[in-house]
Amino acid sequence: MLEKTPHPNDGLSSGPQLRQALDQIGQIVLDGLRHGHFRCAISSAIGKNNRRDLVIEAGKSHKFTIPEDELPR
């Protein structure tokens, strides 16, 4: 069983959506490496109220909406 390694941003304050997005990206990479190959696309845009819409596409799409004030500085 793989142990979870510390994430480089663990010491930074971030909102729950950002944390979930980073965890999802990490899981996609690990699953792809176990499988042997994978393709992933990540895109972002500024939406309503200065929120960041982050979309991760890897087989299926995952969308996260991250408020600007929850981004680490």
C-alpha atoms as a PDB file:
ATOM      1  CA  MET A   1       0.000   0.000   0.000  1.00  0.00           C
ATOM      2  CA  LEU A   2       1.281   3.457  -0.865  1.00  0.00           C
ATOM      3  CA  GLU A   3       1.763   5.974   1.882  1.00  0.00           C
ATOM      4  CA  LYS A   4       0.581   9.495   1.245  1.00  0.00           C
ATOM      5  CA  THR A   5       3.573  11.754   0.855  1.00  0.00           C
ATOM      6  CA  PRO A   6       3.390  15.305   2.146  1.00  0.00           C
ATOM      7  CA  HIS A   7       2.199  17.771  -0.465  1.00  0.00           C
ATOM      8  CA  PRO A   8       4.550  20.734  -1.025  1.00  0.00           C
ATOM      9  CA  ASN A   9       1.699  23.162  -0.233  1.00  0.00           C
ATOM     10  CA  ASP A  10       0.541  21.397   2.969  1.00  0.00           C
ATOM     11  CA  GLY A  11       1.834  24.242   5.111  1.00  0.00           C
ATOM     12  CA  LEU A  12      -0.126  26.853   3.156  1.00  0.00           C
ATOM     13  CA  SER A  13      -3.639  27.883   3.989  1.00  0.00           C
ATOM     14  CA  SER A  14      -6.002  26.991   1.168  1.00  0.00           C
ATOM     15  CA  GLY A  15      -9.723  26.469   0.765  1.00  0.00           C
ATOM     16  CA  PRO A  16     -11.419  23.087   0.533  1.00  0.00           C
ATOM     17  CA  GLN A  17     -12.022  23.243  -3.232  1.00  0.00           C
ATOM     18  CA  LEU A  18      -8.348  23.916  -3.938  1.00  0.00           C
ATOM     19  CA  ARG A  19      -7.289  21.091  -1.618  1.00  0.00           C
ATOM     20  CA  GLN A  20      -9.722  18.695  -3.356  1.00  0.00           C
ATOM     21  CA  ALA A  21      -8.473  19.762  -6.801  1.00  0.00           C
ATOM     22  CA  LEU A  22      -4.825  19.195  -5.850  1.00  0.00           C
ATOM     23  CA  ASP A  23      -5.687  15.821  -4.316  1.00  0.00           C
ATOM     24  CA  GLN A  24      -7.590  14.851  -7.481  1.00  0.00           C
ATOM     25  CA  ILE A  25      -4.616  15.787  -9.678  1.00  0.00           C
ATOM     26  CA  GLY A  26      -2.305  13.703  -7.496  1.00  0.00           C
ATOM     27  CA  GLN A  27      -4.667  10.726  -7.658  1.00  0.00           C
ATOM     28  CA  ILE A  28      -4.951  10.967 -11.450  1.00  0.00           C
ATOM     29  CA  VAL A  29      -1.157  10.956 -11.819  1.00  0.00           C
ATOM     30  CA  LEU A  30      -0.729   7.981  -9.468  1.00  0.00           C
ATOM     31  CA  ASP A  31      -3.521   5.998 -11.164  1.00  0.00           C
ATOM     32  CA  GLY A  32      -2.020   6.761 -14.588  1.00  0.00           C
ATOM     33  CA  LEU A  33       1.430   5.653 -13.508  1.00  0.00           C
ATOM     34  CA  ARG A  34       0.034   2.417 -12.072  1.00  0.00           C
ATOM     35  CA  HIS A  35      -1.872   1.807 -15.300  1.00  0.00           C
ATOM     36  CA  GLY A  36       1.179   2.571 -17.412  1.00  0.00           C
ATOM     37  CA  HIS A  37      -0.082   5.496 -19.466  1.00  0.00           C
ATOM     38  CA  PHE A  38      -2.580   8.310 -19.229  1.00  0.00           C
ATOM     39  CA  ARG A  39      -3.579  11.651 -20.695  1.00  0.00           C
ATOM     40  CA  CYS A  40      -4.721  14.589 -18.607  1.00  0.00           C
ATOM     41  CA  ALA A  41      -5.726  18.157 -19.452  1.00  0.00           C
ATOM     42  CA  ILE A  42      -6.106  20.942 -16.908  1.00  0.00           C
ATOM     43  CA  SER A  43      -7.712  24.272 -17.746  1.00  0.00           C
ATOM     44  CA  SER A  44      -8.766  27.293 -15.768  1.00  0.00           C
ATOM     45  CA  ALA A  45     -10.789  30.449 -16.344  1.00  0.00           C
ATOM     46  CA  ILE A  46     -12.003  33.335 -14.239  1.00  0.00           C
ATOM     47  CA  GLY A  47     -15.748  33.081 -13.721  1.00  0.00           C
ATOM     48  CA  LYS A  48     -18.384  35.012 -11.795  1.00  0.00           C
ATOM     49  CA  ASN A  49     -17.277  36.998  -8.745  1.00  0.00           C
ATOM     50  CA  ASN A  50     -13.589  36.429  -9.586  1.00  0.00           C
ATOM     51  CA  ARG A  51     -13.874  32.707  -8.856  1.00  0.00           C
ATOM     52  CA  ARG A  52     -11.503  30.365 -10.629  1.00  0.00           C
ATOM     53  CA  ASP A  53     -13.161  27.557 -12.568  1.00  0.00           C
ATOM     54  CA  LEU A  54     -10.693  24.675 -12.718  1.00  0.00           C
ATOM     55  CA  VAL A  55     -11.447  21.688 -14.955  1.00  0.00           C
ATOM     56  CA  ILE A  56      -9.409  18.478 -14.874  1.00  0.00           C
ATOM     57  CA  GLU A  57     -10.075  16.083 -17.762  1.00  0.00           C
ATOM     58  CA  ALA A  58      -8.713  12.566 -17.440  1.00  0.00           C
ATOM     59  CA  GLY A  59     -11.185  10.018 -18.750  1.00  0.00           C
ATOM     60  CA  LYS A  60     -13.945  12.008 -17.102  1.00  0.00           C
ATOM     61  CA  SER A  61     -14.092  15.662 -16.133  1.00  0.00           C
ATOM     62  CA  HIS A  62     -13.822  17.107 -12.636  1.00  0.00           C
ATOM     63  CA  LYS A  63     -14.763  20.756 -12.107  1.00  0.00           C
ATOM     64  CA  PHE A  64     -13.792  22.853  -9.099  1.00  0.00           C
ATOM     65  CA  THR A  65     -14.814  26.452  -8.387  1.00  0.00           C
ATOM     66  CA  ILE A  66     -12.247  28.200  -6.223  1.00  0.00           C
ATOM     67  CA  PRO A  67     -12.965  31.642  -4.733  1.00  0.00           C
ATOM     68  CA  GLU A  68     -10.101  34.105  -5.193  1.00  0.00           C
ATOM     69  CA  ASP A  69      -9.834  34.728  -1.449  1.00  0.00           C
ATOM     70  CA  GLU A  70      -9.155  31.004  -0.843  1.00  0.00           C
ATOM     71  CA  LEU A  71      -6.023  30.996  -3.021  1.00  0.00           C
ATOM     72  CA  PRO A  72      -2.753  30.861  -1.069  1.00  0.00           C
ATOM     73  CA  ARG A  73      -0.712  34.057  -1.186  1.00  0.00           C
END
